[in-house]
């Protein structure tokens, strides 16, 4: 029997929205010298959230672990073709296409943060700044595709994926849900993100 079950724990949900917010702030302040420290703070926050996500991908709850969404490219392609044909499918955790968006966001995020850190060093080569801008643009592209996929999937499958990433609940069998939202780990994530952001303003 299908019912509302808890799928996304607090660290996964908070990390998701912190990543979205920090990237948005970093993108919007990237060209402003006056907002440079805010840009750096957003970049540090993004890197901290991604670092926690790597840890949570191993130690987190059932659907947060990387082992729960290790799909092959063939599976992702089959999912996308089904989506284009309007086929209905229900996934408790991340769907195959969404899993690759997560991988790309993590890779692009770390690369953008590292190149940004290098570009802001004194006497940094110009190509580092250009690389940083290119990686940020690549990450934005992944974000746009990811958002489009969420919208299309939500409409075709009649499942509000945005809402589920807010409240943590989806439709499924009772035994498929997770037992706890792991609030204490979420508090640790928030503390880590706050420390990372504040460090940009320290001498």
Protein backbone atom coordinates (compact mmCIF):
# COMPACT_ATOMS: atom_id res chain seq x y z
CA UNK A 1 0.00 0.00 0.00
CA UNK A 2 1.36 3.41 -1.00
CA UNK A 3 1.65 6.15 1.62
CA UNK A 4 3.70 9.23 2.41
CA UNK A 5 7.19 8.17 3.48
CA UNK A 6 10.27 10.10 4.54
CA UNK A 7 12.89 9.86 1.80
CA UNK A 8 15.17 12.91 2.06
CA UNK A 9 16.85 13.58 5.39
CA UNK A 10 17.54 17.07 6.72
CA UNK A 11 21.23 17.23 5.68
CA UNK A 12 20.34 16.26 2.10
CA UNK A 13 17.58 18.87 1.86
CA UNK A 14 19.48 21.66 3.58
CA UNK A 15 22.60 20.87 1.57
CA UNK A 16 20.59 20.98 -1.67
CA UNK A 17 19.18 24.45 -0.98
CA UNK A 18 22.43 25.79 0.49
CA UNK A 19 24.23 24.72 -2.67
CA UNK A 20 21.60 26.40 -4.84
CA UNK A 21 21.71 29.61 -2.79
CA UNK A 22 25.50 29.84 -2.55
CA UNK A 23 25.93 29.26 -6.28
CA UNK A 24 23.27 31.87 -7.09
CA UNK A 25 24.97 34.44 -4.86
CA UNK A 26 28.39 33.61 -6.30
CA UNK A 27 27.09 33.94 -9.86
CA UNK A 28 25.34 37.25 -9.22
CA UNK A 29 28.37 38.83 -7.50
CA UNK A 30 31.04 37.42 -9.78
CA UNK A 31 31.57 40.58 -11.83
CA UNK A 32 31.42 43.09 -8.97
CA UNK A 33 34.59 44.20 -7.21
CA UNK A 34 32.48 45.83 -4.49
CA UNK A 35 30.89 42.47 -3.68
CA UNK A 36 34.10 40.51 -3.94
CA UNK A 37 34.11 39.26 -0.33
CA UNK A 38 30.50 38.16 -0.65
CA UNK A 39 31.44 36.29 -3.81
CA UNK A 40 34.32 34.59 -2.01
CA UNK A 41 32.11 33.76 0.98
CA UNK A 42 29.56 32.16 -1.33
CA UNK A 43 32.30 30.15 -3.01
CA UNK A 44 33.67 28.94 0.33
CA UNK A 45 30.16 28.00 1.43
CA UNK A 46 29.58 26.05 -1.76
CA UNK A 47 32.84 24.16 -1.31
CA UNK A 48 31.98 23.33 2.32
CA UNK A 49 28.53 22.05 1.35
CA UNK A 50 30.01 19.89 -1.41
CA UNK A 51 32.64 18.50 0.96
CA UNK A 52 29.90 17.52 3.39
CA UNK A 53 27.93 15.99 0.51
CA UNK A 54 30.83 13.69 -0.29
CA UNK A 55 30.88 12.54 3.32
CA UNK A 56 27.09 12.19 3.41
CA UNK A 57 27.19 10.22 0.18
CA UNK A 58 28.99 7.50 2.13
CA UNK A 59 27.69 7.90 5.69
CA UNK A 60 24.21 9.31 5.06
CA UNK A 61 20.78 7.74 5.03
CA UNK A 62 19.57 5.24 2.46
CA UNK A 63 18.77 7.52 -0.49
CA UNK A 64 21.51 10.05 0.20
CA UNK A 65 24.26 7.49 -0.36
CA UNK A 66 25.99 7.34 -3.72
CA UNK A 67 25.43 3.59 -3.73
CA UNK A 68 21.69 4.28 -4.04
CA UNK A 69 22.06 6.05 -7.40
CA UNK A 70 24.93 4.40 -9.22
CA UNK A 71 23.28 4.08 -12.61
CA UNK A 72 24.95 3.26 -15.89
CA UNK A 73 24.85 5.71 -18.82
CA UNK A 74 22.56 3.24 -20.60
CA UNK A 75 20.07 3.39 -17.73
CA UNK A 76 20.17 7.20 -17.76
CA UNK A 77 19.62 7.28 -21.51
CA UNK A 78 16.72 4.83 -21.26
CA UNK A 79 15.14 7.02 -18.58
CA UNK A 80 15.50 10.14 -20.75
CA UNK A 81 13.98 8.41 -23.78
CA UNK A 82 11.07 7.28 -21.65
CA UNK A 83 10.65 10.83 -20.39
CA UNK A 84 10.51 12.15 -23.96
CA UNK A 85 7.86 9.55 -24.81
CA UNK A 86 5.80 10.61 -21.82
CA UNK A 87 6.19 7.30 -20.03
CA UNK A 88 5.30 7.41 -16.35
CA UNK A 89 7.84 6.11 -13.85
CA UNK A 90 8.26 6.49 -10.12
CA UNK A 91 11.58 6.61 -8.32
CA UNK A 92 11.83 6.70 -4.56
CA UNK A 93 15.32 8.22 -4.60
CA UNK A 94 17.19 9.95 -7.43
CA UNK A 95 16.26 8.90 -10.94
CA UNK A 96 19.07 7.84 -13.34
CA UNK A 97 19.28 11.19 -15.17
CA UNK A 98 19.14 13.15 -11.93
CA UNK A 99 22.02 11.12 -10.54
CA UNK A 100 24.31 12.31 -13.33
CA UNK A 101 23.27 15.90 -12.66
CA UNK A 102 24.42 15.41 -9.08
CA UNK A 103 27.79 14.04 -10.17
CA UNK A 104 28.31 16.93 -12.59
CA UNK A 105 27.29 19.54 -10.02
CA UNK A 106 29.77 18.14 -7.51
CA UNK A 107 32.59 18.04 -10.05
CA UNK A 108 31.87 21.47 -11.50
CA UNK A 109 31.34 22.95 -8.04
CA UNK A 110 34.66 21.77 -6.67
CA UNK A 111 36.48 22.76 -9.86
CA UNK A 112 34.90 26.23 -9.86
CA UNK A 113 35.71 26.76 -6.18
CA UNK A 114 39.32 25.61 -6.59
CA UNK A 115 39.93 27.69 -9.71
CA UNK A 116 38.30 30.70 -8.04
CA UNK A 117 40.54 30.35 -5.01
CA UNK A 118 43.60 30.15 -7.29
CA UNK A 119 42.44 33.08 -9.43
CA UNK A 120 42.13 35.37 -6.41
CA UNK A 121 45.71 34.79 -5.31
CA UNK A 122 48.17 37.63 -5.84
CA UNK A 123 49.91 37.54 -9.21
CA UNK A 124 47.54 34.82 -10.43
CA UNK A 125 47.71 34.09 -14.14
CA UNK A 126 44.88 35.49 -16.27
CA UNK A 127 43.98 32.06 -17.59
CA UNK A 128 42.94 31.01 -14.08
CA UNK A 129 40.26 33.67 -14.03
CA UNK A 130 39.05 32.62 -17.45
CA UNK A 131 39.00 28.98 -16.36
CA UNK A 132 37.00 29.92 -13.28
CA UNK A 133 34.43 31.78 -15.39
CA UNK A 134 34.18 28.87 -17.80
CA UNK A 135 33.61 26.35 -15.02
CA UNK A 136 30.99 28.58 -13.43
CA UNK A 137 29.21 28.81 -16.80
CA UNK A 138 29.37 25.01 -17.14
CA UNK A 139 27.86 24.62 -13.69
CA UNK A 140 25.08 27.06 -14.56
CA UNK A 141 24.31 24.97 -17.65
CA UNK A 142 24.02 21.84 -15.52
CA UNK A 143 21.76 23.71 -13.09
CA UNK A 144 19.45 24.87 -15.89
CA UNK A 145 19.22 21.36 -17.37
CA UNK A 146 18.63 19.92 -13.91
CA UNK A 147 15.81 22.37 -13.15
CA UNK A 148 14.23 21.70 -16.54
CA UNK A 149 14.40 17.97 -15.88
CA UNK A 150 12.76 18.39 -12.47
CA UNK A 151 9.92 20.42 -13.99
CA UNK A 152 9.31 17.97 -16.86
CA UNK A 153 9.57 14.91 -14.61
CA UNK A 154 7.23 16.44 -12.03
CA UNK A 155 4.59 17.21 -14.68
CA UNK A 156 4.79 13.86 -16.49
CA UNK A 157 4.94 11.72 -13.37
CA UNK A 158 2.49 13.90 -11.43
CA UNK A 159 4.92 14.14 -8.55
CA UNK A 160 6.03 17.42 -6.98
CA UNK A 161 9.79 16.87 -6.72
CA UNK A 162 10.44 20.39 -5.44
CA UNK A 163 8.01 19.89 -2.57
CA UNK A 164 9.63 16.57 -1.69
CA UNK A 165 13.02 18.28 -1.46
CA UNK A 166 11.43 20.77 0.93
CA UNK A 167 9.50 18.48 3.27
CA UNK A 168 11.38 15.24 2.60
CA UNK A 169 8.33 13.13 1.76
CA UNK A 170 7.38 11.12 -1.30
CA UNK A 171 4.85 8.40 -2.07
CA UNK A 172 5.97 4.82 -1.50
CA UNK A 173 5.61 1.68 0.58
CA UNK A 174 6.17 1.94 4.31
CA UNK A 175 9.30 -0.22 4.24
CA UNK A 176 10.92 2.06 1.64
CA UNK A 177 11.08 5.09 3.93
CA UNK A 178 13.97 6.17 6.14
CA UNK A 179 13.63 6.16 9.91
CA UNK A 180 15.16 9.51 10.82
CA UNK A 181 15.76 12.97 9.39
CA UNK A 182 19.20 13.25 11.09
CA UNK A 183 18.65 16.75 12.45
CA UNK A 184 21.94 16.81 14.42
CA UNK A 185 23.92 16.19 11.24
CA UNK A 186 22.01 19.03 9.59
CA UNK A 187 23.07 21.32 12.44
CA UNK A 188 26.68 20.29 11.81
CA UNK A 189 26.29 21.11 8.11
CA UNK A 190 24.88 24.54 8.93
CA UNK A 191 27.75 25.20 11.31
CA UNK A 192 30.29 24.15 8.69
CA UNK A 193 28.66 26.35 6.04
CA UNK A 194 28.54 29.31 8.43
CA UNK A 195 32.20 28.90 9.35
CA UNK A 196 33.16 28.69 5.66
CA UNK A 197 31.23 31.86 4.82
CA UNK A 198 32.66 33.79 7.78
CA UNK A 199 36.23 32.76 6.95
CA UNK A 200 36.08 34.90 3.80
CA UNK A 201 35.85 38.03 5.94
CA UNK A 202 38.67 37.10 8.33
CA UNK A 203 42.10 38.69 7.81
